[in-house]
Amino acid sequence: MTIVAYSQGWGAALFERTWGWETSYYASINGVLLIIFGPAAVLSAGWLCDHWLSQGKQDVAMKIAFFGVLVTVVSGAAFPLMPTAPVAMGVFAVNNMGIGMTSAMGVTALLRIAPGPIKAQTVALYYMCISMAGLFLGPTTVALLNDHVFGVDGIRYSMALIPVIFGVPVLLGLRGILANYGRGVTEHEGLL
């Protein structure tokens, strides 16, 4: 989902080209929404995870992360296609919540299965990989779609396609990923 998140670096261009918003106006509105919805998503995901873990649901971090992925994919594909800028920005706020949930729970889920002696290295490698994937593929894929498929004025279609390209395969693999993750949690718990 970092690919989707980093692709949104094109957000200012999207709102300017599609709805005529000045970059400074977009940045102000987006900044306020990020300050409100980002922490709300991270904190609520953490609280929900703790609550369900206390009830013995061991794979809940991954399930919440997948819910965040679902929210991110649906809202990420939808917001660039909205008819007006305010509606698009509202759906974009929902998208930021999905990204926040996924960000908070991804590393939490990883730590549930990482062996104790290499937890720090595992997290470092995780962040390096997702950051590189996000930085390399997110903005670049939007640019390539703009240049070779939709054109400069079709940025809304380029941005709407990114969550579909990179998110739908994750959602399609949900059952297998959760099954493997559940086995990993069980094995990890057995070692403790």
N, C-alpha and C. Protein backbone atom coordinates (compact mmCIF):
# COMPACT_ATOMS: atom_id res chain seq x y z
N MET A 1 0.81 -1.20 0.00
CA MET A 1 0.00 0.00 0.00
C MET A 1 0.85 1.26 0.00
N THR A 2 2.16 1.09 0.28
CA THR A 2 3.02 2.28 0.18
C THR A 2 3.11 2.77 -1.26
N ILE A 3 2.96 1.87 -2.20
CA ILE A 3 2.95 2.29 -3.61
C ILE A 3 1.77 3.22 -3.86
N VAL A 4 0.61 2.85 -3.35
CA VAL A 4 -0.58 3.69 -3.48
C VAL A 4 -0.36 5.01 -2.75
N ALA A 5 0.18 4.94 -1.54
CA ALA A 5 0.39 6.16 -0.75
C ALA A 5 1.37 7.12 -1.45
N TYR A 6 2.48 6.58 -1.94
CA TYR A 6 3.46 7.45 -2.61
C TYR A 6 2.95 7.96 -3.96
N SER A 7 2.08 7.23 -4.60
CA SER A 7 1.52 7.72 -5.86
C SER A 7 0.69 8.98 -5.64
N GLN A 8 0.23 9.17 -4.42
CA GLN A 8 -0.60 10.32 -4.12
C GLN A 8 0.20 11.61 -4.00
N GLY A 9 1.49 11.49 -4.20
CA GLY A 9 2.30 12.70 -4.36
C GLY A 9 1.84 13.52 -5.56
N TRP A 10 1.12 12.87 -6.45
CA TRP A 10 0.53 13.55 -7.61
C TRP A 10 -0.79 14.24 -7.26
N GLY A 11 -1.20 14.20 -6.01
CA GLY A 11 -2.49 14.75 -5.60
C GLY A 11 -2.67 16.22 -5.95
N ALA A 12 -1.64 17.03 -5.72
CA ALA A 12 -1.76 18.45 -6.04
C ALA A 12 -2.00 18.66 -7.53
N ALA A 13 -1.27 17.91 -8.35
CA ALA A 13 -1.47 18.01 -9.80
C ALA A 13 -2.86 17.53 -10.20
N LEU A 14 -3.32 16.47 -9.57
CA LEU A 14 -4.67 15.96 -9.85
C LEU A 14 -5.72 17.01 -9.56
N PHE A 15 -5.68 17.60 -8.39
CA PHE A 15 -6.69 18.59 -8.01
C PHE A 15 -6.59 19.86 -8.84
N GLU A 16 -5.38 20.22 -9.26
CA GLU A 16 -5.22 21.40 -10.11
C GLU A 16 -5.73 21.14 -11.52
N ARG A 17 -5.31 20.03 -12.11
CA ARG A 17 -5.70 19.74 -13.50
C ARG A 17 -7.16 19.36 -13.64
N THR A 18 -7.70 18.68 -12.64
CA THR A 18 -9.07 18.18 -12.75
C THR A 18 -10.09 19.18 -12.25
N TRP A 19 -9.82 19.84 -11.12
CA TRP A 19 -10.84 20.70 -10.51
C TRP A 19 -10.39 22.15 -10.35
N GLY A 20 -9.17 22.47 -10.78
CA GLY A 20 -8.72 23.86 -10.77
C GLY A 20 -8.26 24.38 -9.41
N TRP A 21 -7.98 23.52 -8.46
CA TRP A 21 -7.51 23.98 -7.16
C TRP A 21 -6.05 24.41 -7.25
N GLU A 22 -5.74 25.51 -6.59
CA GLU A 22 -4.35 25.94 -6.46
C GLU A 22 -3.61 24.94 -5.56
N THR A 23 -2.34 24.76 -5.80
CA THR A 23 -1.55 23.82 -5.02
C THR A 23 -1.58 24.17 -3.53
N SER A 24 -1.47 25.46 -3.22
CA SER A 24 -1.47 25.88 -1.81
C SER A 24 -2.80 25.56 -1.13
N TYR A 25 -3.89 25.71 -1.85
CA TYR A 25 -5.21 25.41 -1.28
C TYR A 25 -5.34 23.90 -1.05
N TYR A 26 -4.94 23.12 -2.02
CA TYR A 26 -4.95 21.66 -1.87
C TYR A 26 -4.11 21.24 -0.68
N ALA A 27 -2.91 21.80 -0.57
CA ALA A 27 -2.01 21.42 0.52
C ALA A 27 -2.60 21.76 1.88
N SER A 28 -3.25 22.89 1.98
CA SER A 28 -3.86 23.29 3.25
C SER A 28 -4.98 22.34 3.66
N ILE A 29 -5.88 22.06 2.73
CA ILE A 29 -7.00 21.16 3.03
C ILE A 29 -6.48 19.75 3.32
N ASN A 30 -5.60 19.26 2.48
CA ASN A 30 -5.06 17.92 2.66
C ASN A 30 -4.29 17.81 3.99
N GLY A 31 -3.53 18.83 4.33
CA GLY A 31 -2.79 18.82 5.59
C GLY A 31 -3.70 18.72 6.80
N VAL A 32 -4.76 19.49 6.80
CA VAL A 32 -5.71 19.44 7.92
C VAL A 32 -6.35 18.06 8.02
N LEU A 33 -6.75 17.51 6.87
CA LEU A 33 -7.38 16.19 6.88
C LEU A 33 -6.41 15.11 7.35
N LEU A 34 -5.16 15.22 6.93
CA LEU A 34 -4.14 14.25 7.38
C LEU A 34 -3.92 14.32 8.88
N ILE A 35 -3.90 15.53 9.41
CA ILE A 35 -3.69 15.71 10.85
C ILE A 35 -4.84 15.11 11.65
N ILE A 36 -6.04 15.18 11.10
CA ILE A 36 -7.22 14.64 11.80
C ILE A 36 -7.35 13.14 11.61
N PHE A 37 -7.36 12.71 10.35
CA PHE A 37 -7.71 11.32 10.05
C PHE A 37 -6.54 10.33 10.17
N GLY A 38 -5.32 10.77 9.94
CA GLY A 38 -4.18 9.87 10.06
C GLY A 38 -4.03 9.32 11.48
N PRO A 39 -3.88 10.19 12.48
CA PRO A 39 -3.77 9.68 13.85
C PRO A 39 -5.02 8.93 14.31
N ALA A 40 -6.20 9.38 13.88
CA ALA A 40 -7.43 8.68 14.26
C ALA A 40 -7.40 7.23 13.76
N ALA A 41 -6.93 7.03 12.54
CA ALA A 41 -6.88 5.69 11.96
C ALA A 41 -5.85 4.83 12.69
N VAL A 42 -4.67 5.37 12.94
CA VAL A 42 -3.61 4.62 13.60
C VAL A 42 -4.03 4.24 15.03
N LEU A 43 -4.57 5.22 15.75
CA LEU A 43 -4.96 4.95 17.15
C LEU A 43 -6.13 3.98 17.23
N SER A 44 -7.12 4.13 16.38
CA SER A 44 -8.27 3.22 16.43
C SER A 44 -7.86 1.81 16.00
N ALA A 45 -6.99 1.69 15.02
CA ALA A 45 -6.50 0.36 14.62
C ALA A 45 -5.73 -0.29 15.76
N GLY A 46 -4.89 0.48 16.43
CA GLY A 46 -4.13 -0.05 17.56
C GLY A 46 -5.03 -0.46 18.71
N TRP A 47 -6.02 0.37 19.03
CA TRP A 47 -6.95 0.03 20.10
C TRP A 47 -7.72 -1.24 19.75
N LEU A 48 -8.24 -1.32 18.53
CA LEU A 48 -9.00 -2.49 18.11
C LEU A 48 -8.14 -3.75 18.14
N CYS A 49 -6.91 -3.63 17.70
CA CYS A 49 -5.99 -4.77 17.72
C CYS A 49 -5.75 -5.24 19.15
N ASP A 50 -5.47 -4.32 20.04
CA ASP A 50 -5.25 -4.68 21.45
C ASP A 50 -6.49 -5.34 22.05
N HIS A 51 -7.64 -4.79 21.74
CA HIS A 51 -8.91 -5.32 22.27
C HIS A 51 -9.11 -6.76 21.81
N TRP A 52 -8.94 -7.01 20.52
CA TRP A 52 -9.15 -8.36 20.00
C TRP A 52 -8.05 -9.33 20.43
N LEU A 53 -6.82 -8.84 20.57
CA LEU A 53 -5.75 -9.70 21.07
C LEU A 53 -6.06 -10.16 22.49
N SER A 54 -6.63 -9.26 23.29
CA SER A 54 -6.97 -9.64 24.67
C SER A 54 -8.06 -10.70 24.71
N GLN A 55 -8.78 -10.85 23.61
CA GLN A 55 -9.80 -11.89 23.51
C GLN A 55 -9.26 -13.17 22.86
N GLY A 56 -7.95 -13.20 22.61
CA GLY A 56 -7.32 -14.40 22.08
C GLY A 56 -7.29 -14.52 20.57
N LYS A 57 -7.64 -13.49 19.85
CA LYS A 57 -7.63 -13.53 18.39
C LYS A 57 -6.23 -13.15 17.91
N GLN A 58 -5.41 -14.14 17.63
CA GLN A 58 -3.99 -13.95 17.40
C GLN A 58 -3.63 -13.35 16.05
N ASP A 59 -4.49 -13.50 15.05
CA ASP A 59 -4.16 -12.99 13.71
C ASP A 59 -4.84 -11.66 13.40
N VAL A 60 -5.31 -10.98 14.43
CA VAL A 60 -6.11 -9.79 14.24
C VAL A 60 -5.33 -8.63 13.60
N ALA A 61 -4.05 -8.50 13.87
CA ALA A 61 -3.28 -7.41 13.28
C ALA A 61 -3.29 -7.51 11.76
N MET A 62 -3.12 -8.73 11.24
CA MET A 62 -3.14 -8.91 9.79
C MET A 62 -4.54 -8.66 9.23
N LYS A 63 -5.57 -9.06 9.95
CA LYS A 63 -6.93 -8.83 9.48
C LYS A 63 -7.27 -7.34 9.43
N ILE A 64 -6.83 -6.60 10.43
CA ILE A 64 -7.06 -5.14 10.41
C ILE A 64 -6.26 -4.52 9.28
N ALA A 65 -5.03 -4.99 9.07
CA ALA A 65 -4.22 -4.47 7.96
C ALA A 65 -4.93 -4.72 6.63
N PHE A 66 -5.51 -5.90 6.47
CA PHE A 66 -6.24 -6.20 5.23
C PHE A 66 -7.49 -5.34 5.08
N PHE A 67 -8.16 -5.06 6.19
CA PHE A 67 -9.29 -4.14 6.11
C PHE A 67 -8.81 -2.77 5.63
N GLY A 68 -7.66 -2.33 6.15
CA GLY A 68 -7.07 -1.08 5.69
C GLY A 68 -6.74 -1.11 4.21
N VAL A 69 -6.23 -2.25 3.73
CA VAL A 69 -5.94 -2.42 2.30
C VAL A 69 -7.23 -2.29 1.49
N LEU A 70 -8.29 -2.95 1.94
CA LEU A 70 -9.57 -2.88 1.24
C LEU A 70 -10.07 -1.44 1.15
N VAL A 71 -10.02 -0.73 2.27
CA VAL A 71 -10.44 0.69 2.29
C VAL A 71 -9.56 1.50 1.35
N THR A 72 -8.26 1.25 1.39
CA THR A 72 -7.33 1.99 0.54
C THR A 72 -7.57 1.74 -0.94
N VAL A 73 -7.79 0.50 -1.31
CA VAL A 73 -7.99 0.17 -2.72
C VAL A 73 -9.29 0.79 -3.25
N VAL A 74 -10.37 0.60 -2.51
CA VAL A 74 -11.67 1.10 -2.99
C VAL A 74 -11.68 2.63 -3.03
N SER A 75 -11.28 3.27 -1.94
CA SER A 75 -11.33 4.73 -1.91
C SER A 75 -10.24 5.34 -2.79
N GLY A 76 -9.09 4.66 -2.90
CA GLY A 76 -8.01 5.16 -3.76
C GLY A 76 -8.37 5.13 -5.23
N ALA A 77 -9.13 4.12 -5.63
CA ALA A 77 -9.59 4.06 -7.03
C ALA A 77 -10.74 5.02 -7.26
N ALA A 78 -11.50 5.33 -6.22
CA ALA A 78 -12.70 6.15 -6.38
C ALA A 78 -12.43 7.65 -6.32
N PHE A 79 -11.57 8.11 -5.42
CA PHE A 79 -11.48 9.56 -5.21
C PHE A 79 -11.07 10.36 -6.45
N PRO A 80 -10.17 9.87 -7.30
CA PRO A 80 -9.84 10.68 -8.48
C PRO A 80 -10.99 10.79 -9.49
N LEU A 81 -11.96 9.91 -9.38
CA LEU A 81 -13.06 9.87 -10.34
C LEU A 81 -14.30 10.62 -9.86
N MET A 82 -14.22 11.23 -8.69
CA MET A 82 -15.37 11.94 -8.14
C MET A 82 -15.71 13.18 -8.98
N PRO A 83 -16.98 13.59 -8.97
CA PRO A 83 -17.41 14.69 -9.83
C PRO A 83 -16.94 16.07 -9.38
N THR A 84 -16.72 16.25 -8.06
CA THR A 84 -16.30 17.56 -7.56
C THR A 84 -15.10 17.40 -6.63
N ALA A 85 -14.36 18.48 -6.47
CA ALA A 85 -13.18 18.45 -5.60
C ALA A 85 -13.54 18.19 -4.14
N PRO A 86 -14.58 18.83 -3.57
CA PRO A 86 -14.89 18.55 -2.17
C PRO A 86 -15.26 17.07 -1.93
N VAL A 87 -16.02 16.49 -2.83
CA VAL A 87 -16.37 15.07 -2.68
C VAL A 87 -15.11 14.23 -2.81
N ALA A 88 -14.25 14.55 -3.77
CA ALA A 88 -12.99 13.82 -3.94
C ALA A 88 -12.14 13.91 -2.69
N MET A 89 -12.08 15.10 -2.09
CA MET A 89 -11.27 15.27 -0.89
C MET A 89 -11.86 14.49 0.28
N GLY A 90 -13.18 14.39 0.36
CA GLY A 90 -13.80 13.57 1.40
C GLY A 90 -13.46 12.10 1.24
N VAL A 91 -13.51 11.59 0.02
CA VAL A 91 -13.15 10.19 -0.23
C VAL A 91 -11.65 10.00 0.00
N PHE A 92 -10.86 11.01 -0.33
CA PHE A 92 -9.42 10.96 -0.10
C PHE A 92 -9.12 10.85 1.39
N ALA A 93 -9.92 11.52 2.24
CA ALA A 93 -9.74 11.42 3.69
C ALA A 93 -9.97 9.98 4.15
N VAL A 94 -10.97 9.32 3.58
CA VAL A 94 -11.22 7.91 3.89
C VAL A 94 -10.03 7.07 3.45
N ASN A 95 -9.48 7.41 2.29
CA ASN A 95 -8.30 6.71 1.78
C ASN A 95 -7.13 6.84 2.74
N ASN A 96 -6.93 8.03 3.27
CA ASN A 96 -5.85 8.23 4.22
C ASN A 96 -6.06 7.41 5.49
N MET A 97 -7.30 7.19 5.87
CA MET A 97 -7.57 6.34 7.03
C MET A 97 -7.18 4.89 6.72
N GLY A 98 -7.50 4.43 5.53
CA GLY A 98 -7.10 3.07 5.14
C GLY A 98 -5.60 2.91 5.14
N ILE A 99 -4.90 3.90 4.61
CA ILE A 99 -3.44 3.86 4.59
C ILE A 99 -2.89 3.87 6.02
N GLY A 100 -3.48 4.68 6.89
CA GLY A 100 -3.05 4.74 8.28
C GLY A 100 -3.24 3.41 9.00
N MET A 101 -4.38 2.77 8.76
CA MET A 101 -4.63 1.47 9.38
C MET A 101 -3.63 0.43 8.90
N THR A 102 -3.39 0.43 7.60
CA THR A 102 -2.45 -0.53 7.03
C THR A 102 -1.04 -0.28 7.55
N SER A 103 -0.66 0.98 7.61
CA SER A 103 0.69 1.33 8.10
C SER A 103 0.88 0.90 9.55
N ALA A 104 -0.13 1.15 10.38
CA ALA A 104 -0.02 0.80 11.80
C ALA A 104 0.01 -0.71 12.00
N MET A 105 -0.81 -1.42 11.27
CA MET A 105 -0.95 -2.86 11.52
C MET A 105 0.05 -3.72 10.74
N GLY A 106 0.60 -3.20 9.65
CA GLY A 106 1.56 -3.99 8.89
C GLY A 106 2.75 -4.40 9.72
N VAL A 107 3.36 -3.44 10.38
CA VAL A 107 4.54 -3.75 11.20
C VAL A 107 4.13 -4.53 12.45
N THR A 108 2.94 -4.24 12.98
CA THR A 108 2.44 -4.99 14.14
C THR A 108 2.27 -6.46 13.79
N ALA A 109 1.68 -6.72 12.62
CA ALA A 109 1.49 -8.10 12.17
C ALA A 109 2.84 -8.78 11.96
N LEU A 110 3.78 -8.05 11.40
CA LEU A 110 5.11 -8.61 11.17
C LEU A 110 5.78 -9.00 12.48
N LEU A 111 5.66 -8.15 13.47
CA LEU A 111 6.30 -8.43 14.76
C LEU A 111 5.68 -9.63 15.47
N ARG A 112 4.46 -9.98 15.12
CA ARG A 112 3.81 -11.14 15.73
C ARG A 112 4.44 -12.46 15.26
N ILE A 113 5.13 -12.43 14.10
CA ILE A 113 5.70 -13.68 13.56
C ILE A 113 7.22 -13.64 13.44
N ALA A 114 7.82 -12.47 13.65
CA ALA A 114 9.28 -12.37 13.51
C ALA A 114 9.96 -13.02 14.70
N PRO A 115 11.00 -13.80 14.46
CA PRO A 115 11.75 -14.40 15.57
C PRO A 115 12.39 -13.33 16.44
N GLY A 116 12.38 -13.55 17.74
CA GLY A 116 12.88 -12.58 18.70
C GLY A 116 14.26 -12.02 18.42
N PRO A 117 15.24 -12.87 18.13
CA PRO A 117 16.60 -12.37 17.95
C PRO A 117 16.77 -11.45 16.73
N ILE A 118 15.86 -11.52 15.77
CA ILE A 118 16.03 -10.69 14.57
C ILE A 118 14.83 -9.77 14.32
N LYS A 119 14.08 -9.44 15.36
CA LYS A 119 12.93 -8.54 15.19
C LYS A 119 13.35 -7.19 14.61
N ALA A 120 14.39 -6.60 15.16
CA ALA A 120 14.83 -5.27 14.71
C ALA A 120 15.27 -5.30 13.25
N GLN A 121 16.04 -6.31 12.87
CA GLN A 121 16.49 -6.41 11.49
C GLN A 121 15.32 -6.66 10.55
N THR A 122 14.35 -7.46 11.01
CA THR A 122 13.17 -7.76 10.20
C THR A 122 12.39 -6.48 9.92
N VAL A 123 12.20 -5.68 10.96
CA VAL A 123 11.46 -4.42 10.79
C VAL A 123 12.24 -3.47 9.89
N ALA A 124 13.54 -3.39 10.07
CA ALA A 124 14.35 -2.51 9.23
C ALA A 124 14.26 -2.92 7.76
N LEU A 125 14.36 -4.22 7.50
CA LEU A 125 14.25 -4.71 6.12
C LEU A 125 12.85 -4.44 5.56
N TYR A 126 11.83 -4.65 6.38
CA TYR A 126 10.45 -4.38 5.98
C TYR A 126 10.28 -2.92 5.54
N TYR A 127 10.73 -2.00 6.41
CA TYR A 127 10.59 -0.59 6.07
C TYR A 127 11.42 -0.19 4.85
N MET A 128 12.60 -0.76 4.72
CA MET A 128 13.41 -0.47 3.55
C MET A 128 12.70 -0.95 2.28
N CYS A 129 12.17 -2.16 2.29
CA CYS A 129 11.52 -2.72 1.10
C CYS A 129 10.26 -1.95 0.73
N ILE A 130 9.40 -1.67 1.72
CA ILE A 130 8.16 -0.98 1.36
C ILE A 130 8.42 0.46 0.95
N SER A 131 9.43 1.09 1.56
CA SER A 131 9.75 2.47 1.17
C SER A 131 10.31 2.52 -0.25
N MET A 132 11.20 1.59 -0.56
CA MET A 132 11.77 1.57 -1.91
C MET A 132 10.69 1.26 -2.95
N ALA A 133 9.84 0.28 -2.66
CA ALA A 133 8.75 -0.04 -3.59
C ALA A 133 7.84 1.15 -3.78
N GLY A 134 7.47 1.79 -2.67
CA GLY A 134 6.59 2.95 -2.76
C GLY A 134 7.21 4.09 -3.55
N LEU A 135 8.44 4.42 -3.23
CA LEU A 135 9.11 5.53 -3.90
C LEU A 135 9.39 5.25 -5.37
N PHE A 136 9.80 4.03 -5.67
CA PHE A 136 10.14 3.70 -7.06
C PHE A 136 8.90 3.51 -7.93
N LEU A 137 7.91 2.80 -7.42
CA LEU A 137 6.77 2.42 -8.26
C LEU A 137 5.59 3.38 -8.20
N GLY A 138 5.33 3.99 -7.05
CA GLY A 138 4.15 4.84 -6.92
C GLY A 138 4.14 6.03 -7.88
N PRO A 139 5.01 7.00 -7.67
CA PRO A 139 5.01 8.18 -8.55
C PRO A 139 5.37 7.84 -10.00
N THR A 140 6.27 6.89 -10.17
CA THR A 140 6.73 6.54 -11.52
C THR A 140 5.61 5.91 -12.34
N THR A 141 4.80 5.06 -11.72
CA THR A 141 3.71 4.43 -12.46
C THR A 141 2.67 5.45 -12.89
N VAL A 142 2.38 6.42 -12.02
CA VAL A 142 1.45 7.49 -12.42
C VAL A 142 2.03 8.24 -13.61
N ALA A 143 3.32 8.58 -13.55
CA ALA A 143 3.95 9.32 -14.64
C ALA A 143 3.92 8.52 -15.95
N LEU A 144 4.21 7.23 -15.87
CA LEU A 144 4.20 6.40 -17.08
C LEU A 144 2.80 6.30 -17.66
N LEU A 145 1.80 6.14 -16.80
CA LEU A 145 0.41 6.09 -17.30
C LEU A 145 0.00 7.42 -17.91
N ASN A 146 0.44 8.52 -17.30
CA ASN A 146 0.15 9.85 -17.86
C ASN A 146 0.80 10.00 -19.24
N ASP A 147 2.06 9.63 -19.32
CA ASP A 147 2.82 9.84 -20.56
C ASP A 147 2.40 8.91 -21.70
N HIS A 148 2.06 7.66 -21.37
CA HIS A 148 1.88 6.66 -22.42
C HIS A 148 0.46 6.14 -22.60
N VAL A 149 -0.44 6.44 -21.65
CA VAL A 149 -1.78 5.88 -21.76
C VAL A 149 -2.85 6.97 -21.75
N PHE A 150 -2.93 7.75 -20.69
CA PHE A 150 -4.05 8.66 -20.51
C PHE A 150 -3.76 10.11 -20.88
N GLY A 151 -2.51 10.48 -20.98
CA GLY A 151 -2.16 11.87 -21.27
C GLY A 151 -2.16 12.72 -20.01
N VAL A 152 -1.61 13.91 -20.14
CA VAL A 152 -1.46 14.81 -19.00
C VAL A 152 -2.80 15.14 -18.35
N ASP A 153 -3.82 15.37 -19.16
CA ASP A 153 -5.13 15.72 -18.60
C ASP A 153 -5.89 14.51 -18.07
N GLY A 154 -5.38 13.32 -18.29
CA GLY A 154 -6.03 12.11 -17.79
C GLY A 154 -5.43 11.62 -16.49
N ILE A 155 -4.82 12.52 -15.73
CA ILE A 155 -4.16 12.14 -14.48
C ILE A 155 -5.13 11.44 -13.53
N ARG A 156 -6.40 11.81 -13.58
CA ARG A 156 -7.36 11.17 -12.67
C ARG A 156 -7.47 9.67 -12.95
N TYR A 157 -7.36 9.29 -14.20
CA TYR A 157 -7.44 7.87 -14.55
C TYR A 157 -6.15 7.14 -14.17
N SER A 158 -5.03 7.82 -14.33
CA SER A 158 -3.75 7.23 -13.93
C SER A 158 -3.75 6.96 -12.43
N MET A 159 -4.19 7.93 -11.66
CA MET A 159 -4.19 7.77 -10.21
C MET A 159 -5.23 6.76 -9.75
N ALA A 160 -6.36 6.68 -10.43
CA ALA A 160 -7.40 5.71 -10.05
C ALA A 160 -6.96 4.28 -10.34
N LEU A 161 -6.08 4.12 -11.30
CA LEU A 161 -5.65 2.78 -11.70
C LEU A 161 -4.58 2.19 -10.77
N ILE A 162 -3.83 3.03 -10.10
CA ILE A 162 -2.74 2.55 -9.24
C ILE A 162 -3.24 1.58 -8.15
N PRO A 163 -4.29 1.93 -7.38
CA PRO A 163 -4.76 0.97 -6.37
C PRO A 163 -5.26 -0.34 -6.97
N VAL A 164 -5.79 -0.27 -8.18
CA VAL A 164 -6.27 -1.48 -8.84
C VAL A 164 -5.09 -2.37 -9.23
N ILE A 165 -4.07 -1.76 -9.83
CA ILE A 165 -2.90 -2.52 -10.28
C ILE A 165 -2.18 -3.18 -9.10
N PHE A 166 -1.97 -2.42 -8.04
CA PHE A 166 -1.14 -2.91 -6.94
C PHE A 166 -1.93 -3.45 -5.75
N GLY A 167 -3.19 -3.08 -5.62
CA GLY A 167 -3.98 -3.51 -4.46
C GLY A 167 -4.85 -4.72 -4.70
N VAL A 168 -5.42 -4.83 -5.89
CA VAL A 168 -6.31 -5.96 -6.16
C VAL A 168 -5.58 -7.31 -6.04
N PRO A 169 -4.35 -7.45 -6.54
CA PRO A 169 -3.66 -8.74 -6.33
C PRO A 169 -3.50 -9.10 -4.85
N VAL A 170 -3.27 -8.12 -4.01
CA VAL A 170 -3.17 -8.38 -2.57
C VAL A 170 -4.50 -8.90 -2.05
N LEU A 171 -5.58 -8.25 -2.44
CA LEU A 171 -6.91 -8.68 -1.98
C LEU A 171 -7.27 -10.06 -2.51
N LEU A 172 -6.85 -10.36 -3.73
CA LEU A 172 -7.13 -11.69 -4.29
C LEU A 172 -6.37 -12.79 -3.55
N GLY A 173 -5.23 -12.45 -2.98
CA GLY A 173 -4.44 -13.43 -2.24
C GLY A 173 -4.79 -13.50 -0.76
N LEU A 174 -5.83 -12.80 -0.37
CA LEU A 174 -6.19 -12.67 1.04
C LEU A 174 -6.30 -14.01 1.77
N ARG A 175 -7.04 -14.94 1.22
CA ARG A 175 -7.26 -16.21 1.90
C ARG A 175 -5.95 -16.96 2.16
N GLY A 176 -5.12 -17.07 1.14
CA GLY A 176 -3.85 -17.77 1.30
C GLY A 176 -2.90 -17.05 2.23
N ILE A 177 -2.87 -15.73 2.14
CA ILE A 177 -1.99 -14.95 3.01
C ILE A 177 -2.41 -15.11 4.46
N LEU A 178 -3.72 -15.02 4.73
CA LEU A 178 -4.19 -15.17 6.10
C LEU A 178 -3.94 -16.57 6.64
N ALA A 179 -4.09 -17.60 5.79
CA ALA A 179 -3.82 -18.96 6.23
C ALA A 179 -2.35 -19.14 6.60
N ASN A 180 -1.45 -18.66 5.75
CA ASN A 180 -0.02 -18.75 6.03
C ASN A 180 0.35 -17.94 7.27
N TYR A 181 -0.24 -16.76 7.38
CA TYR A 181 0.04 -15.91 8.53
C TYR A 181 -0.43 -16.59 9.82
N GLY A 182 -1.61 -17.17 9.78
CA GLY A 182 -2.13 -17.87 10.96
C GLY A 182 -1.21 -18.99 11.40
N ARG A 183 -0.68 -19.74 10.43
CA ARG A 183 0.30 -20.80 10.76
C ARG A 183 1.56 -20.19 11.37
N GLY A 184 1.99 -19.07 10.82
CA GLY A 184 3.18 -18.41 11.35
C GLY A 184 2.99 -17.93 12.78
N VAL A 185 1.81 -17.39 13.09
CA VAL A 185 1.53 -16.94 14.46
C VAL A 185 1.51 -18.15 15.39
N THR A 186 0.87 -19.22 14.96
CA THR A 186 0.81 -20.43 15.79
C THR A 186 2.21 -20.98 16.06
N GLU A 187 3.04 -21.06 15.03
CA GLU A 187 4.41 -21.54 15.20
C GLU A 187 5.20 -20.63 16.14
N HIS A 188 5.03 -19.32 15.96
CA HIS A 188 5.74 -18.36 16.80
C HIS A 188 5.31 -18.49 18.25
N GLU A 189 4.00 -18.63 18.47
CA GLU A 189 3.49 -18.78 19.83
C GLU A 189 4.02 -20.07 20.46
N GLY A 190 4.19 -21.11 19.63
CA GLY A 190 4.71 -22.37 20.14
C GLY A 190 6.16 -22.29 20.57
N LEU A 191 6.90 -21.33 20.05
CA LEU A 191 8.31 -21.17 20.41
C LEU A 191 8.49 -20.36 21.69
N LEU A 192 7.45 -19.64 22.08
CA LEU A 192 7.58 -18.77 23.26
C LEU A 192 7.47 -19.53 24.56
